[in-house]
């Protein structure tokens, strides 16, 4: 007959009695690895203890964070996303190109995700699993694609009179914003910045 159970949370150095004389000893929501043994009695004979069973408690999976959202220039070859503050092992990365509506999984199990030749906005998340705990996702990083800079064209007077001139050169077309104007007086051998982004 079982006269009771005992539990330990310090690898069996000390034991706490459990007032349960049935053949099954339930447990729920264990927070740390716990050792169990049953105490068995037979009539007037001294009590004996069963073999010890250990319930190992794995810490919950933690998804972690991915390096902040960033932008790629169209045609940029590659870059790397980094996962940090996760707890557990990377099972795979999930990738979406439609705003997170549909995802496909790759076989990458590292904390780094290489991005190669992106052509459209893409969302990334990693899935982390520790021990027997359920897998959880990291936060999501979005990579946006920016059109490559294009120069456009300049227009304005092609000839002016020395000392008697005042006009403007105009920029049209292209992709992006003007960040500076540069000029040369030695046929393009050297250029000087104007320090202005205005047209």
C-alpha atoms as a PDB file:
ATOM      1  CA  UNK A   1       0.000   0.000   0.000  1.00  0.00           C
ATOM      2  CA  UNK A   2       1.105   3.540  -0.703  1.00  0.00           C
ATOM      3  CA  UNK A   3       1.193   5.516   2.517  1.00  0.00           C
ATOM      4  CA  UNK A   4       2.221   8.778   0.884  1.00  0.00           C
ATOM      5  CA  UNK A   5       4.375  10.525  -1.671  1.00  0.00           C
ATOM      6  CA  UNK A   6       7.388  12.826  -1.371  1.00  0.00           C
ATOM      7  CA  UNK A   7       8.735  15.552  -3.646  1.00  0.00           C
ATOM      8  CA  UNK A   8      12.077  17.300  -3.963  1.00  0.00           C
ATOM      9  CA  UNK A   9      13.215  20.369  -5.891  1.00  0.00           C
ATOM     10  CA  UNK A  10      16.908  20.165  -4.901  1.00  0.00           C
ATOM     11  CA  UNK A  11      17.931  16.953  -6.693  1.00  0.00           C
ATOM     12  CA  UNK A  12      16.719  14.806  -3.795  1.00  0.00           C
ATOM     13  CA  UNK A  13      18.719  16.406  -0.990  1.00  0.00           C
ATOM     14  CA  UNK A  14      15.540  17.242   0.910  1.00  0.00           C
ATOM     15  CA  UNK A  15      12.048  15.834   0.525  1.00  0.00           C
ATOM     16  CA  UNK A  16       8.606  17.241   1.311  1.00  0.00           C
ATOM     17  CA  UNK A  17       5.740  14.847   2.127  1.00  0.00           C
ATOM     18  CA  UNK A  18       2.587  14.746   0.004  1.00  0.00           C
ATOM     19  CA  UNK A  19      -0.617  13.543   1.679  1.00  0.00           C
ATOM     20  CA  UNK A  20      -1.739  11.230  -1.080  1.00  0.00           C
ATOM     21  CA  UNK A  21      -2.221   7.478  -0.661  1.00  0.00           C
ATOM     22  CA  UNK A  22      -3.416   6.682  -4.195  1.00  0.00           C
ATOM     23  CA  UNK A  23      -1.413   5.072  -6.979  1.00  0.00           C
ATOM     24  CA  UNK A  24      -1.470   8.305  -9.010  1.00  0.00           C
ATOM     25  CA  UNK A  25       0.093  11.558  -7.871  1.00  0.00           C
ATOM     26  CA  UNK A  26      -1.130  14.475 -10.021  1.00  0.00           C
ATOM     27  CA  UNK A  27       0.936  17.568 -10.741  1.00  0.00           C
ATOM     28  CA  UNK A  28       0.154  20.805 -12.553  1.00  0.00           C
ATOM     29  CA  UNK A  29       1.956  24.020 -13.494  1.00  0.00           C
ATOM     30  CA  UNK A  30       5.367  22.948 -12.248  1.00  0.00           C
ATOM     31  CA  UNK A  31       7.775  25.877 -12.208  1.00  0.00           C
ATOM     32  CA  UNK A  32      11.006  23.915 -11.807  1.00  0.00           C
ATOM     33  CA  UNK A  33      12.354  20.414 -12.231  1.00  0.00           C
ATOM     34  CA  UNK A  34      10.847  18.168  -9.531  1.00  0.00           C
ATOM     35  CA  UNK A  35      11.695  14.695  -8.187  1.00  0.00           C
ATOM     36  CA  UNK A  36       8.963  12.280  -6.968  1.00  0.00           C
ATOM     37  CA  UNK A  37       8.918   9.032  -5.051  1.00  0.00           C
ATOM     38  CA  UNK A  38       6.176   6.951  -3.475  1.00  0.00           C
ATOM     39  CA  UNK A  39       6.354   5.701   0.108  1.00  0.00           C
ATOM     40  CA  UNK A  40       5.148   2.102   0.349  1.00  0.00           C
ATOM     41  CA  UNK A  41       4.079   0.236   3.506  1.00  0.00           C
ATOM     42  CA  UNK A  42       3.261  -3.428   4.027  1.00  0.00           C
ATOM     43  CA  UNK A  43       1.648  -4.329   7.336  1.00  0.00           C
ATOM     44  CA  UNK A  44       4.054  -4.057  10.221  1.00  0.00           C
ATOM     45  CA  UNK A  45       7.095  -4.018   7.952  1.00  0.00           C
ATOM     46  CA  UNK A  46       9.165  -0.828   7.694  1.00  0.00           C
ATOM     47  CA  UNK A  47       8.210   1.607   4.964  1.00  0.00           C
ATOM     48  CA  UNK A  48      10.155   1.582   1.750  1.00  0.00           C
ATOM     49  CA  UNK A  49      10.445   4.106  -1.072  1.00  0.00           C
ATOM     50  CA  UNK A  50       9.930   3.581  -4.757  1.00  0.00           C
ATOM     51  CA  UNK A  51      12.402   4.487  -7.448  1.00  0.00           C
ATOM     52  CA  UNK A  52      12.636   8.208  -8.153  1.00  0.00           C
ATOM     53  CA  UNK A  53      11.038   9.798 -11.197  1.00  0.00           C
ATOM     54  CA  UNK A  54      12.192  13.222 -12.364  1.00  0.00           C
ATOM     55  CA  UNK A  55       9.913  15.663 -14.152  1.00  0.00           C
ATOM     56  CA  UNK A  56      12.190  18.058 -15.994  1.00  0.00           C
ATOM     57  CA  UNK A  57      10.706  21.529 -16.481  1.00  0.00           C
ATOM     58  CA  UNK A  58      11.913  23.431 -19.534  1.00  0.00           C
ATOM     59  CA  UNK A  59      11.744  27.215 -19.448  1.00  0.00           C
ATOM     60  CA  UNK A  60       9.179  28.718 -21.791  1.00  0.00           C
ATOM     61  CA  UNK A  61      10.320  29.627 -25.294  1.00  0.00           C
ATOM     62  CA  UNK A  62      11.057  33.318 -25.892  1.00  0.00           C
ATOM     63  CA  UNK A  63      10.845  34.636 -29.433  1.00  0.00           C
ATOM     64  CA  UNK A  64      13.292  37.519 -29.166  1.00  0.00           C
ATOM     65  CA  UNK A  65      13.647  40.548 -31.414  1.00  0.00           C
ATOM     66  CA  UNK A  66      14.977  41.078 -34.914  1.00  0.00           C
ATOM     67  CA  UNK A  67      17.133  44.041 -35.889  1.00  0.00           C
ATOM     68  CA  UNK A  68      14.983  47.063 -36.626  1.00  0.00           C
ATOM     69  CA  UNK A  69      13.059  47.472 -39.839  1.00  0.00           C
ATOM     70  CA  UNK A  70      15.204  48.801 -42.657  1.00  0.00           C
ATOM     71  CA  UNK A  71      15.062  49.801 -46.279  1.00  0.00           C
ATOM     72  CA  UNK A  72      16.885  48.381 -49.260  1.00  0.00           C
ATOM     73  CA  UNK A  73      17.804  50.226 -52.395  1.00  0.00           C
ATOM     74  CA  UNK A  74      16.507  48.460 -55.482  1.00  0.00           C
ATOM     75  CA  UNK A  75      19.373  46.337 -56.780  1.00  0.00           C
ATOM     76  CA  UNK A  76      21.172  46.130 -53.433  1.00  0.00           C
ATOM     77  CA  UNK A  77      22.714  42.670 -53.309  1.00  0.00           C
ATOM     78  CA  UNK A  78      22.381  41.438 -49.730  1.00  0.00           C
ATOM     79  CA  UNK A  79      22.192  42.183 -46.030  1.00  0.00           C
ATOM     80  CA  UNK A  80      21.621  40.222 -42.828  1.00  0.00           C
ATOM     81  CA  UNK A  81      18.911  40.292 -40.164  1.00  0.00           C
ATOM     82  CA  UNK A  82      20.001  39.399 -36.623  1.00  0.00           C
ATOM     83  CA  UNK A  83      17.860  37.744 -33.959  1.00  0.00           C
ATOM     84  CA  UNK A  84      18.622  38.513 -30.298  1.00  0.00           C
ATOM     85  CA  UNK A  85      17.159  38.049 -26.809  1.00  0.00           C
ATOM     86  CA  UNK A  86      15.567  34.734 -27.788  1.00  0.00           C
ATOM     87  CA  UNK A  87      15.451  31.700 -25.501  1.00  0.00           C
ATOM     88  CA  UNK A  88      15.467  28.357 -27.224  1.00  0.00           C
ATOM     89  CA  UNK A  89      16.518  27.119 -30.630  1.00  0.00           C
ATOM     90  CA  UNK A  90      15.551  28.627 -33.967  1.00  0.00           C
ATOM     91  CA  UNK A  91      13.272  26.171 -35.749  1.00  0.00           C
ATOM     92  CA  UNK A  92      12.909  28.143 -38.988  1.00  0.00           C
ATOM     93  CA  UNK A  93      12.204  31.631 -40.336  1.00  0.00           C
ATOM     94  CA  UNK A  94       8.886  32.650 -41.879  1.00  0.00           C
ATOM     95  CA  UNK A  95       8.746  35.088 -44.772  1.00  0.00           C
ATOM     96  CA  UNK A  96       5.842  37.043 -46.266  1.00  0.00           C
ATOM     97  CA  UNK A  97       5.691  39.293 -49.313  1.00  0.00           C
ATOM     98  CA  UNK A  98       2.022  40.281 -48.985  1.00  0.00           C
ATOM     99  CA  UNK A  99       1.932  42.130 -45.697  1.00  0.00           C
ATOM    100  CA  UNK A 100       1.782  39.046 -43.489  1.00  0.00           C
ATOM    101  CA  UNK A 101      -1.294  37.464 -45.085  1.00  0.00           C
ATOM    102  CA  UNK A 102       0.583  34.430 -46.373  1.00  0.00           C
ATOM    103  CA  UNK A 103       3.832  33.064 -44.986  1.00  0.00           C
ATOM    104  CA  UNK A 104       6.271  30.435 -46.189  1.00  0.00           C
ATOM    105  CA  UNK A 105       8.886  28.770 -44.012  1.00  0.00           C
ATOM    106  CA  UNK A 106      12.508  28.159 -44.875  1.00  0.00           C
ATOM    107  CA  UNK A 107      14.979  25.725 -43.308  1.00  0.00           C
ATOM    108  CA  UNK A 108      17.235  28.322 -41.692  1.00  0.00           C
ATOM    109  CA  UNK A 109      17.899  27.409 -38.046  1.00  0.00           C
ATOM    110  CA  UNK A 110      20.470  30.103 -37.279  1.00  0.00           C
ATOM    111  CA  UNK A 111      19.951  33.472 -35.552  1.00  0.00           C
ATOM    112  CA  UNK A 112      20.884  35.211 -38.800  1.00  0.00           C
ATOM    113  CA  UNK A 113      18.746  35.568 -41.890  1.00  0.00           C
ATOM    114  CA  UNK A 114      20.504  36.625 -45.084  1.00  0.00           C
ATOM    115  CA  UNK A 115      18.455  38.763 -47.457  1.00  0.00           C
ATOM    116  CA  UNK A 116      19.528  38.465 -51.082  1.00  0.00           C
ATOM    117  CA  UNK A 117      18.430  40.592 -54.026  1.00  0.00           C
ATOM    118  CA  UNK A 118      15.123  41.807 -52.568  1.00  0.00           C
ATOM    119  CA  UNK A 119      12.653  43.076 -55.149  1.00  0.00           C
ATOM    120  CA  UNK A 120       9.620  43.908 -53.002  1.00  0.00           C
ATOM    121  CA  UNK A 121       8.703  44.700 -49.402  1.00  0.00           C
ATOM    122  CA  UNK A 122       9.188  41.571 -47.290  1.00  0.00           C
ATOM    123  CA  UNK A 123       8.292  40.610 -43.708  1.00  0.00           C
ATOM    124  CA  UNK A 124      10.416  38.256 -41.601  1.00  0.00           C
ATOM    125  CA  UNK A 125       9.856  36.448 -38.299  1.00  0.00           C
ATOM    126  CA  UNK A 126      11.744  33.615 -36.585  1.00  0.00           C
ATOM    127  CA  UNK A 127      10.216  30.699 -34.679  1.00  0.00           C
ATOM    128  CA  UNK A 128      11.895  29.655 -31.425  1.00  0.00           C
ATOM    129  CA  UNK A 129      11.363  26.477 -29.408  1.00  0.00           C
ATOM    130  CA  UNK A 130      12.905  25.518 -26.081  1.00  0.00           C
ATOM    131  CA  UNK A 131      12.786  21.871 -25.031  1.00  0.00           C
ATOM    132  CA  UNK A 132       9.247  20.515 -25.037  1.00  0.00           C
ATOM    133  CA  UNK A 133       7.669  23.977 -24.795  1.00  0.00           C
ATOM    134  CA  UNK A 134       5.602  25.254 -27.721  1.00  0.00           C
ATOM    135  CA  UNK A 135       7.399  27.274 -30.394  1.00  0.00           C
ATOM    136  CA  UNK A 136       6.791  31.023 -30.362  1.00  0.00           C
ATOM    137  CA  UNK A 137       7.529  33.686 -32.943  1.00  0.00           C
ATOM    138  CA  UNK A 138       9.906  36.583 -32.612  1.00  0.00           C
ATOM    139  CA  UNK A 139       8.794  40.085 -33.426  1.00  0.00           C
ATOM    140  CA  UNK A 140       8.437  40.885 -37.120  1.00  0.00           C
ATOM    141  CA  UNK A 141      10.870  42.912 -39.206  1.00  0.00           C
ATOM    142  CA  UNK A 142       9.817  44.514 -42.474  1.00  0.00           C
ATOM    143  CA  UNK A 143      12.270  45.247 -45.259  1.00  0.00           C
ATOM    144  CA  UNK A 144      11.062  47.929 -47.645  1.00  0.00           C
ATOM    145  CA  UNK A 145      12.413  48.495 -51.133  1.00  0.00           C
ATOM    146  CA  UNK A 146      13.265  51.996 -52.333  1.00  0.00           C
ATOM    147  CA  UNK A 147      13.677  52.788 -56.014  1.00  0.00           C
ATOM    148  CA  UNK A 148      17.280  53.404 -56.993  1.00  0.00           C
ATOM    149  CA  UNK A 149      18.369  57.008 -57.388  1.00  0.00           C
ATOM    150  CA  UNK A 150      18.196  58.304 -60.962  1.00  0.00           C
ATOM    151  CA  UNK A 151      19.785  61.542 -62.106  1.00  0.00           C
ATOM    152  CA  UNK A 152      17.183  63.128 -64.373  1.00  0.00           C
ATOM    153  CA  UNK A 153      18.130  65.982 -66.699  1.00  0.00           C
ATOM    154  CA  UNK A 154      19.298  69.591 -66.331  1.00  0.00           C
ATOM    155  CA  UNK A 155      18.232  72.541 -68.429  1.00  0.00           C
ATOM    156  CA  UNK A 156      19.095  76.228 -68.571  1.00  0.00           C
ATOM    157  CA  UNK A 157      21.089  78.726 -70.667  1.00  0.00           C
ATOM    158  CA  UNK A 158      24.140  77.191 -72.331  1.00  0.00           C
ATOM    159  CA  UNK A 159      25.915  80.463 -73.019  1.00  0.00           C
ATOM    160  CA  UNK A 160      26.064  83.689 -70.977  1.00  0.00           C
ATOM    161  CA  UNK A 161      28.101  86.838 -71.061  1.00  0.00           C
ATOM    162  CA  UNK A 162      30.982  87.189 -68.615  1.00  0.00           C
ATOM    163  CA  UNK A 163      29.953  89.269 -65.597  1.00  0.00           C
ATOM    164  CA  UNK A 164      26.509  89.930 -67.083  1.00  0.00           C
ATOM    165  CA  UNK A 165      24.542  86.843 -66.225  1.00  0.00           C
ATOM    166  CA  UNK A 166      21.930  85.757 -63.713  1.00  0.00           C
ATOM    167  CA  UNK A 167      19.663  82.799 -64.294  1.00  0.00           C
ATOM    168  CA  UNK A 168      18.967  79.289 -62.975  1.00  0.00           C
ATOM    169  CA  UNK A 169      19.666  75.723 -63.941  1.00  0.00           C
ATOM    170  CA  UNK A 170      16.666  73.425 -63.584  1.00  0.00           C
ATOM    171  CA  UNK A 171      16.464  69.747 -62.726  1.00  0.00           C
ATOM    172  CA  UNK A 172      13.645  67.555 -64.029  1.00  0.00           C
ATOM    173  CA  UNK A 173      12.752  63.896 -63.843  1.00  0.00           C
ATOM    174  CA  UNK A 174      14.861  61.324 -62.052  1.00  0.00           C
ATOM    175  CA  UNK A 175      14.112  59.459 -58.838  1.00  0.00           C
ATOM    176  CA  UNK A 176      14.861  60.756 -55.349  1.00  0.00           C
ATOM    177  CA  UNK A 177      15.522  64.210 -53.927  1.00  0.00           C
ATOM    178  CA  UNK A 178      18.324  66.638 -54.653  1.00  0.00           C
ATOM    179  CA  UNK A 179      20.795  66.560 -51.775  1.00  0.00           C
ATOM    180  CA  UNK A 180      23.422  68.895 -53.241  1.00  0.00           C
ATOM    181  CA  UNK A 181      24.586  70.774 -56.335  1.00  0.00           C
ATOM    182  CA  UNK A 182      28.185  70.583 -57.464  1.00  0.00           C
ATOM    183  CA  UNK A 183      30.004  72.733 -60.012  1.00  0.00           C
ATOM    184  CA  UNK A 184      33.285  72.626 -61.901  1.00  0.00           C
ATOM    185  CA  UNK A 185      35.354  75.317 -63.620  1.00  0.00           C
ATOM    186  CA  UNK A 186      38.046  72.971 -64.979  1.00  0.00           C
ATOM    187  CA  UNK A 187      36.054  70.840 -67.408  1.00  0.00           C
ATOM    188  CA  UNK A 188      34.962  68.402 -64.715  1.00  0.00           C
ATOM    189  CA  UNK A 189      38.414  67.639 -63.334  1.00  0.00           C
ATOM    190  CA  UNK A 190      37.322  68.797 -59.869  1.00  0.00           C
ATOM    191  CA  UNK A 191      33.938  69.675 -58.397  1.00  0.00           C
ATOM    192  CA  UNK A 192      32.892  71.966 -55.578  1.00  0.00           C
ATOM    193  CA  UNK A 193      29.795  71.447 -53.460  1.00  0.00           C
ATOM    194  CA  UNK A 194      27.288  74.280 -53.204  1.00  0.00           C
ATOM    195  CA  UNK A 195      26.083  72.971 -49.831  1.00  0.00           C
ATOM    196  CA  UNK A 196      22.458  73.321 -50.808  1.00  0.00           C
ATOM    197  CA  UNK A 197      19.737  70.870 -51.759  1.00  0.00           C
ATOM    198  CA  UNK A 198      17.496  73.414 -53.445  1.00  0.00           C
ATOM    199  CA  UNK A 199      16.924  73.579 -57.190  1.00  0.00           C
END
